[in-house]
Amino acid sequence: MPARDLPDLNVWLALTDPDHQHHERARRYWEAEAAPQLAFCRVTMLGLLRLLTHPKVMHGSPFTPAEAWLAYRSFLALPEVAFLSENPRLELQFVAWTDTATFAPHRWTDPWLAAQAFTTGSRLISFDSDFLAFPGLSFLHLTAS
Protein backbone atom coordinates (compact mmCIF):
# COMPACT_ATOMS: atom_id res chain seq x y z
CA MET A 1 0.00 0.00 0.00
CA PRO A 2 1.35 3.43 -0.85
CA ALA A 3 2.01 5.95 1.89
CA ARG A 4 -0.42 8.48 0.42
CA ASP A 5 -3.73 8.47 -1.45
CA LEU A 6 -5.04 11.27 -3.62
CA PRO A 7 -8.83 10.84 -3.65
CA ASP A 8 -10.65 12.18 -6.68
CA LEU A 9 -13.34 14.78 -6.13
CA ASN A 10 -16.06 12.13 -6.39
CA VAL A 11 -14.61 10.36 -3.34
CA TRP A 12 -14.36 13.54 -1.25
CA LEU A 13 -17.92 14.45 -2.18
CA ALA A 14 -19.21 10.97 -1.28
CA LEU A 15 -17.40 11.15 2.07
CA THR A 16 -18.92 14.56 2.83
CA ASP A 17 -22.51 13.94 1.73
CA PRO A 18 -24.30 11.18 3.68
CA ASP A 19 -27.01 11.17 0.98
CA HIS A 20 -24.53 10.53 -1.84
CA GLN A 21 -25.13 7.25 -3.65
CA HIS A 22 -21.54 6.13 -2.92
CA HIS A 23 -21.29 7.39 0.66
CA GLU A 24 -21.17 3.94 2.25
CA ARG A 25 -18.54 2.68 -0.21
CA ALA A 26 -16.45 5.79 0.37
CA ARG A 27 -16.68 5.25 4.14
CA ARG A 28 -15.54 1.61 3.75
CA TYR A 29 -12.58 2.82 1.71
CA TRP A 30 -11.71 5.43 4.39
CA GLU A 31 -11.98 2.92 7.25
CA ALA A 32 -10.32 -0.14 5.71
CA GLU A 33 -8.45 0.61 2.48
CA ALA A 34 -6.99 4.09 2.76
CA ALA A 35 -3.27 4.76 2.88
CA PRO A 36 -1.88 6.29 6.10
CA GLN A 37 -2.18 9.75 4.52
CA LEU A 38 -4.88 11.15 2.24
CA ALA A 39 -4.41 14.36 0.33
CA PHE A 40 -6.28 17.15 -1.31
CA CYS A 41 -4.75 19.05 -4.19
CA ARG A 42 -5.89 22.41 -5.55
CA VAL A 43 -8.23 20.77 -8.10
CA THR A 44 -9.98 18.56 -5.54
CA MET A 45 -10.21 21.38 -3.00
CA LEU A 46 -11.83 23.76 -5.50
CA GLY A 47 -14.08 21.02 -6.84
CA LEU A 48 -15.34 20.09 -3.40
CA LEU A 49 -16.10 23.71 -2.53
CA ARG A 50 -17.91 24.15 -5.85
CA LEU A 51 -20.01 20.98 -5.65
CA LEU A 52 -20.98 21.35 -1.99
CA THR A 53 -22.52 24.75 -2.83
CA HIS A 54 -24.32 23.51 -5.96
CA PRO A 55 -28.10 23.09 -5.41
CA LYS A 56 -28.57 20.22 -7.88
CA VAL A 57 -25.57 18.23 -6.65
CA MET A 58 -26.65 18.68 -3.04
CA HIS A 59 -30.27 17.61 -3.66
CA GLY A 60 -31.71 21.10 -3.19
CA SER A 61 -29.87 21.72 0.09
CA PRO A 62 -26.52 23.21 -0.88
CA PHE A 63 -23.97 24.23 1.69
CA THR A 64 -23.35 27.92 2.17
CA PRO A 65 -19.82 28.97 1.23
CA ALA A 66 -18.99 29.11 4.95
CA GLU A 67 -20.31 25.55 5.44
CA ALA A 68 -18.34 24.30 2.44
CA TRP A 69 -15.15 25.84 3.86
CA LEU A 70 -15.91 24.23 7.21
CA ALA A 71 -16.33 20.80 5.61
CA TYR A 72 -13.03 21.17 3.74
CA ARG A 73 -11.17 22.50 6.78
CA SER A 74 -12.61 19.68 8.92
CA PHE A 75 -10.93 17.17 6.63
CA LEU A 76 -7.65 19.10 6.73
CA ALA A 77 -7.77 19.20 10.54
CA LEU A 78 -7.52 15.40 10.64
CA PRO A 79 -3.96 14.15 11.20
CA GLU A 80 -4.21 11.76 8.24
CA VAL A 81 -5.26 14.45 5.73
CA ALA A 82 -2.85 16.85 4.04
CA PHE A 83 -2.68 19.29 1.16
CA LEU A 84 -0.48 18.10 -1.69
CA SER A 85 1.67 20.72 -3.38
CA GLU A 86 2.37 20.54 -7.07
CA ASN A 87 5.45 18.60 -8.01
CA PRO A 88 7.76 20.38 -10.50
CA ARG A 89 7.42 17.40 -12.89
CA LEU A 90 3.60 17.56 -12.86
CA GLU A 91 3.23 19.71 -15.96
CA LEU A 92 5.62 17.54 -17.99
CA GLN A 93 3.61 14.42 -17.15
CA PHE A 94 0.35 16.24 -17.81
CA VAL A 95 1.58 17.27 -21.26
CA ALA A 96 2.71 13.70 -21.99
CA TRP A 97 -0.80 12.39 -21.28
CA THR A 98 -2.67 15.16 -23.12
CA ASP A 99 -0.56 16.19 -26.11
CA THR A 100 -1.62 13.19 -28.17
CA ALA A 101 -3.86 12.64 -31.17
CA THR A 102 -6.23 10.49 -29.10
CA PHE A 103 -6.72 12.87 -26.16
CA ALA A 104 -10.38 13.84 -25.59
CA PRO A 105 -10.47 17.59 -24.82
CA HIS A 106 -13.37 17.26 -22.38
CA ARG A 107 -11.12 15.22 -20.04
CA TRP A 108 -8.55 17.86 -18.91
CA THR A 109 -9.03 17.34 -15.17
CA ASP A 110 -8.45 13.57 -15.16
CA PRO A 111 -4.93 13.68 -16.61
CA TRP A 112 -4.09 16.59 -14.29
CA LEU A 113 -5.12 14.55 -11.23
CA ALA A 114 -3.39 11.48 -12.61
CA ALA A 115 -0.18 13.47 -13.18
CA GLN A 116 -0.45 14.94 -9.66
CA ALA A 117 -0.67 11.44 -8.18
CA PHE A 118 1.96 9.95 -10.49
CA THR A 119 4.61 12.61 -9.89
CA THR A 120 4.19 12.53 -6.10
CA GLY A 121 4.12 8.74 -5.74
CA SER A 122 0.51 8.83 -4.57
CA ARG A 123 -2.24 6.36 -5.32
CA LEU A 124 -5.25 7.89 -7.05
CA ILE A 125 -8.64 6.83 -5.67
CA SER A 126 -11.82 7.29 -7.71
CA PHE A 127 -15.21 5.90 -8.63
CA ASP A 128 -14.27 6.80 -12.23
CA SER A 129 -12.71 3.92 -14.18
CA ASP A 130 -11.25 6.31 -16.79
CA PHE A 131 -8.08 6.56 -14.69
CA LEU A 132 -7.18 3.03 -15.80
CA ALA A 133 -6.00 4.64 -19.06
CA PHE A 134 -2.91 6.25 -17.49
CA PRO A 135 0.11 3.94 -17.72
CA GLY A 136 2.11 3.51 -14.55
CA LEU A 137 -0.49 5.21 -12.34
CA SER A 138 -1.14 3.60 -8.98
CA PHE A 139 -4.94 3.53 -8.96
CA LEU A 140 -7.71 2.11 -6.80
CA HIS A 141 -11.03 2.00 -8.60
CA LEU A 142 -13.85 2.07 -6.07
CA THR A 143 -16.91 0.22 -7.25
CA ALA A 144 -20.38 0.35 -5.76
CA SER A 145 -20.26 -3.22 -4.48
C-alpha atoms as a PDB file:
ATOM      1  CA  MET A   1       0.000   0.000   0.000  1.00  0.00           C
ATOM      2  CA  PRO A   2       1.348   3.432  -0.851  1.00  0.00           C
ATOM      3  CA  ALA A   3       2.014   5.948   1.894  1.00  0.00           C
ATOM      4  CA  ARG A   4      -0.417   8.483   0.424  1.00  0.00           C
ATOM      5  CA  ASP A   5      -3.728   8.465  -1.451  1.00  0.00           C
ATOM      6  CA  LEU A   6      -5.038  11.274  -3.624  1.00  0.00           C
ATOM      7  CA  PRO A   7      -8.829  10.841  -3.654  1.00  0.00           C
ATOM      8  CA  ASP A   8     -10.650  12.176  -6.678  1.00  0.00           C
ATOM      9  CA  LEU A   9     -13.336  14.780  -6.133  1.00  0.00           C
ATOM     10  CA  ASN A  10     -16.057  12.129  -6.390  1.00  0.00           C
ATOM     11  CA  VAL A  11     -14.611  10.358  -3.337  1.00  0.00           C
ATOM     12  CA  TRP A  12     -14.356  13.545  -1.245  1.00  0.00           C
ATOM     13  CA  LEU A  13     -17.925  14.448  -2.181  1.00  0.00           C
ATOM     14  CA  ALA A  14     -19.212  10.971  -1.278  1.00  0.00           C
ATOM     15  CA  LEU A  15     -17.401  11.150   2.066  1.00  0.00           C
ATOM     16  CA  THR A  16     -18.916  14.556   2.829  1.00  0.00           C
ATOM     17  CA  ASP A  17     -22.510  13.942   1.733  1.00  0.00           C
ATOM     18  CA  PRO A  18     -24.300  11.176   3.683  1.00  0.00           C
ATOM     19  CA  ASP A  19     -27.012  11.167   0.978  1.00  0.00           C
ATOM     20  CA  HIS A  20     -24.534  10.528  -1.839  1.00  0.00           C
ATOM     21  CA  GLN A  21     -25.125   7.248  -3.649  1.00  0.00           C
ATOM     22  CA  HIS A  22     -21.543   6.125  -2.925  1.00  0.00           C
ATOM     23  CA  HIS A  23     -21.288   7.391   0.660  1.00  0.00           C
ATOM     24  CA  GLU A  24     -21.169   3.936   2.251  1.00  0.00           C
ATOM     25  CA  ARG A  25     -18.539   2.679  -0.207  1.00  0.00           C
ATOM     26  CA  ALA A  26     -16.445   5.794   0.371  1.00  0.00           C
ATOM     27  CA  ARG A  27     -16.679   5.251   4.140  1.00  0.00           C
ATOM     28  CA  ARG A  28     -15.543   1.610   3.750  1.00  0.00           C
ATOM     29  CA  TYR A  29     -12.576   2.819   1.713  1.00  0.00           C
ATOM     30  CA  TRP A  30     -11.707   5.428   4.385  1.00  0.00           C
ATOM     31  CA  GLU A  31     -11.981   2.922   7.248  1.00  0.00           C
ATOM     32  CA  ALA A  32     -10.324  -0.139   5.710  1.00  0.00           C
ATOM     33  CA  GLU A  33      -8.446   0.609   2.480  1.00  0.00           C
ATOM     34  CA  ALA A  34      -6.988   4.090   2.757  1.00  0.00           C
ATOM     35  CA  ALA A  35      -3.269   4.763   2.885  1.00  0.00           C
ATOM     36  CA  PRO A  36      -1.878   6.287   6.095  1.00  0.00           C
ATOM     37  CA  GLN A  37      -2.175   9.747   4.522  1.00  0.00           C
ATOM     38  CA  LEU A  38      -4.884  11.150   2.244  1.00  0.00           C
ATOM     39  CA  ALA A  39      -4.411  14.360   0.334  1.00  0.00           C
ATOM     40  CA  PHE A  40      -6.283  17.154  -1.310  1.00  0.00           C
ATOM     41  CA  CYS A  41      -4.745  19.049  -4.191  1.00  0.00           C
ATOM     42  CA  ARG A  42      -5.889  22.405  -5.553  1.00  0.00           C
ATOM     43  CA  VAL A  43      -8.227  20.773  -8.098  1.00  0.00           C
ATOM     44  CA  THR A  44      -9.982  18.557  -5.542  1.00  0.00           C
ATOM     45  CA  MET A  45     -10.208  21.378  -3.001  1.00  0.00           C
ATOM     46  CA  LEU A  46     -11.826  23.757  -5.502  1.00  0.00           C
ATOM     47  CA  GLY A  47     -14.077  21.020  -6.840  1.00  0.00           C
ATOM     48  CA  LEU A  48     -15.340  20.087  -3.401  1.00  0.00           C
ATOM     49  CA  LEU A  49     -16.104  23.708  -2.526  1.00  0.00           C
ATOM     50  CA  ARG A  50     -17.907  24.151  -5.854  1.00  0.00           C
ATOM     51  CA  LEU A  51     -20.012  20.982  -5.650  1.00  0.00           C
ATOM     52  CA  LEU A  52     -20.980  21.354  -1.995  1.00  0.00           C
ATOM     53  CA  THR A  53     -22.516  24.748  -2.830  1.00  0.00           C
ATOM     54  CA  HIS A  54     -24.324  23.512  -5.962  1.00  0.00           C
ATOM     55  CA  PRO A  55     -28.099  23.087  -5.406  1.00  0.00           C
ATOM     56  CA  LYS A  56     -28.569  20.220  -7.880  1.00  0.00           C
ATOM     57  CA  VAL A  57     -25.574  18.225  -6.652  1.00  0.00           C
ATOM     58  CA  MET A  58     -26.650  18.683  -3.042  1.00  0.00           C
ATOM     59  CA  HIS A  59     -30.267  17.606  -3.659  1.00  0.00           C
ATOM     60  CA  GLY A  60     -31.711  21.103  -3.186  1.00  0.00           C
ATOM     61  CA  SER A  61     -29.872  21.718   0.090  1.00  0.00           C
ATOM     62  CA  PRO A  62     -26.519  23.208  -0.885  1.00  0.00           C
ATOM     63  CA  PHE A  63     -23.968  24.232   1.691  1.00  0.00           C
ATOM     64  CA  THR A  64     -23.351  27.918   2.169  1.00  0.00           C
ATOM     65  CA  PRO A  65     -19.820  28.965   1.233  1.00  0.00           C
ATOM     66  CA  ALA A  66     -18.991  29.107   4.955  1.00  0.00           C
ATOM     67  CA  GLU A  67     -20.306  25.548   5.444  1.00  0.00           C
ATOM     68  CA  ALA A  68     -18.336  24.302   2.439  1.00  0.00           C
ATOM     69  CA  TRP A  69     -15.150  25.840   3.856  1.00  0.00           C
ATOM     70  CA  LEU A  70     -15.909  24.230   7.214  1.00  0.00           C
ATOM     71  CA  ALA A  71     -16.326  20.795   5.605  1.00  0.00           C
ATOM     72  CA  TYR A  72     -13.026  21.171   3.736  1.00  0.00           C
ATOM     73  CA  ARG A  73     -11.170  22.501   6.782  1.00  0.00           C
ATOM     74  CA  SER A  74     -12.614  19.683   8.920  1.00  0.00           C
ATOM     75  CA  PHE A  75     -10.934  17.165   6.635  1.00  0.00           C
ATOM     76  CA  LEU A  76      -7.646  19.098   6.728  1.00  0.00           C
ATOM     77  CA  ALA A  77      -7.769  19.196  10.537  1.00  0.00           C
ATOM     78  CA  LEU A  78      -7.517  15.404  10.641  1.00  0.00           C
ATOM     79  CA  PRO A  79      -3.964  14.149  11.198  1.00  0.00           C
ATOM     80  CA  GLU A  80      -4.207  11.764   8.242  1.00  0.00           C
ATOM     81  CA  VAL A  81      -5.258  14.450   5.729  1.00  0.00           C
ATOM     82  CA  ALA A  82      -2.852  16.852   4.036  1.00  0.00           C
ATOM     83  CA  PHE A  83      -2.678  19.288   1.155  1.00  0.00           C
ATOM     84  CA  LEU A  84      -0.480  18.097  -1.693  1.00  0.00           C
ATOM     85  CA  SER A  85       1.671  20.719  -3.378  1.00  0.00           C
ATOM     86  CA  GLU A  86       2.369  20.543  -7.070  1.00  0.00           C
ATOM     87  CA  ASN A  87       5.455  18.596  -8.012  1.00  0.00           C
ATOM     88  CA  PRO A  88       7.764  20.380 -10.498  1.00  0.00           C
ATOM     89  CA  ARG A  89       7.416  17.402 -12.889  1.00  0.00           C
ATOM     90  CA  LEU A  90       3.598  17.560 -12.856  1.00  0.00           C
ATOM     91  CA  GLU A  91       3.226  19.709 -15.958  1.00  0.00           C
ATOM     92  CA  LEU A  92       5.616  17.545 -17.991  1.00  0.00           C
ATOM     93  CA  GLN A  93       3.608  14.417 -17.155  1.00  0.00           C
ATOM     94  CA  PHE A  94       0.348  16.243 -17.805  1.00  0.00           C
ATOM     95  CA  VAL A  95       1.579  17.269 -21.259  1.00  0.00           C
ATOM     96  CA  ALA A  96       2.709  13.701 -21.987  1.00  0.00           C
ATOM     97  CA  TRP A  97      -0.801  12.391 -21.279  1.00  0.00           C
ATOM     98  CA  THR A  98      -2.665  15.161 -23.120  1.00  0.00           C
ATOM     99  CA  ASP A  99      -0.558  16.191 -26.110  1.00  0.00           C
ATOM    100  CA  THR A 100      -1.620  13.193 -28.165  1.00  0.00           C
ATOM    101  CA  ALA A 101      -3.859  12.638 -31.168  1.00  0.00           C
ATOM    102  CA  THR A 102      -6.227  10.489 -29.099  1.00  0.00           C
ATOM    103  CA  PHE A 103      -6.724  12.873 -26.161  1.00  0.00           C
ATOM    104  CA  ALA A 104     -10.376  13.841 -25.593  1.00  0.00           C
ATOM    105  CA  PRO A 105     -10.468  17.590 -24.825  1.00  0.00           C
ATOM    106  CA  HIS A 106     -13.369  17.259 -22.376  1.00  0.00           C
ATOM    107  CA  ARG A 107     -11.123  15.223 -20.035  1.00  0.00           C
ATOM    108  CA  TRP A 108      -8.553  17.863 -18.905  1.00  0.00           C
ATOM    109  CA  THR A 109      -9.029  17.342 -15.172  1.00  0.00           C
ATOM    110  CA  ASP A 110      -8.452  13.574 -15.158  1.00  0.00           C
ATOM    111  CA  PRO A 111      -4.927  13.680 -16.609  1.00  0.00           C
ATOM    112  CA  TRP A 112      -4.087  16.589 -14.292  1.00  0.00           C
ATOM    113  CA  LEU A 113      -5.116  14.551 -11.230  1.00  0.00           C
ATOM    114  CA  ALA A 114      -3.389  11.477 -12.609  1.00  0.00           C
ATOM    115  CA  ALA A 115      -0.177  13.474 -13.180  1.00  0.00           C
ATOM    116  CA  GLN A 116      -0.452  14.936  -9.657  1.00  0.00           C
ATOM    117  CA  ALA A 117      -0.671  11.436  -8.180  1.00  0.00           C
ATOM    118  CA  PHE A 118       1.960   9.945 -10.495  1.00  0.00           C
ATOM    119  CA  THR A 119       4.613  12.608  -9.887  1.00  0.00           C
ATOM    120  CA  THR A 120       4.191  12.527  -6.105  1.00  0.00           C
ATOM    121  CA  GLY A 121       4.118   8.743  -5.741  1.00  0.00           C
ATOM    122  CA  SER A 122       0.510   8.826  -4.568  1.00  0.00           C
ATOM    123  CA  ARG A 123      -2.242   6.356  -5.319  1.00  0.00           C
ATOM    124  CA  LEU A 124      -5.249   7.885  -7.055  1.00  0.00           C
ATOM    125  CA  ILE A 125      -8.642   6.826  -5.674  1.00  0.00           C
ATOM    126  CA  SER A 126     -11.819   7.286  -7.711  1.00  0.00           C
ATOM    127  CA  PHE A 127     -15.213   5.902  -8.630  1.00  0.00           C
ATOM    128  CA  ASP A 128     -14.268   6.799 -12.230  1.00  0.00           C
ATOM    129  CA  SER A 129     -12.710   3.922 -14.185  1.00  0.00           C
ATOM    130  CA  ASP A 130     -11.246   6.312 -16.794  1.00  0.00           C
ATOM    131  CA  PHE A 131      -8.083   6.559 -14.689  1.00  0.00           C
ATOM    132  CA  LEU A 132      -7.176   3.026 -15.800  1.00  0.00           C
ATOM    133  CA  ALA A 133      -5.998   4.637 -19.057  1.00  0.00           C
ATOM    134  CA  PHE A 134      -2.913   6.245 -17.486  1.00  0.00           C
ATOM    135  CA  PRO A 135       0.109   3.942 -17.718  1.00  0.00           C
ATOM    136  CA  GLY A 136       2.112   3.515 -14.549  1.00  0.00           C
ATOM    137  CA  LEU A 137      -0.485   5.215 -12.343  1.00  0.00           C
ATOM    138  CA  SER A 138      -1.143   3.597  -8.977  1.00  0.00           C
ATOM    139  CA  PHE A 139      -4.939   3.532  -8.964  1.00  0.00           C
ATOM    140  CA  LEU A 140      -7.710   2.112  -6.796  1.00  0.00           C
ATOM    141  CA  HIS A 141     -11.027   2.003  -8.598  1.00  0.00           C
ATOM    142  CA  LEU A 142     -13.847   2.074  -6.066  1.00  0.00           C
ATOM    143  CA  THR A 143     -16.914   0.217  -7.254  1.00  0.00           C
ATOM    144  CA  ALA A 144     -20.376   0.345  -5.757  1.00  0.00           C
ATOM    145  CA  SER A 145     -20.259  -3.225  -4.485  1.00  0.00           C
END
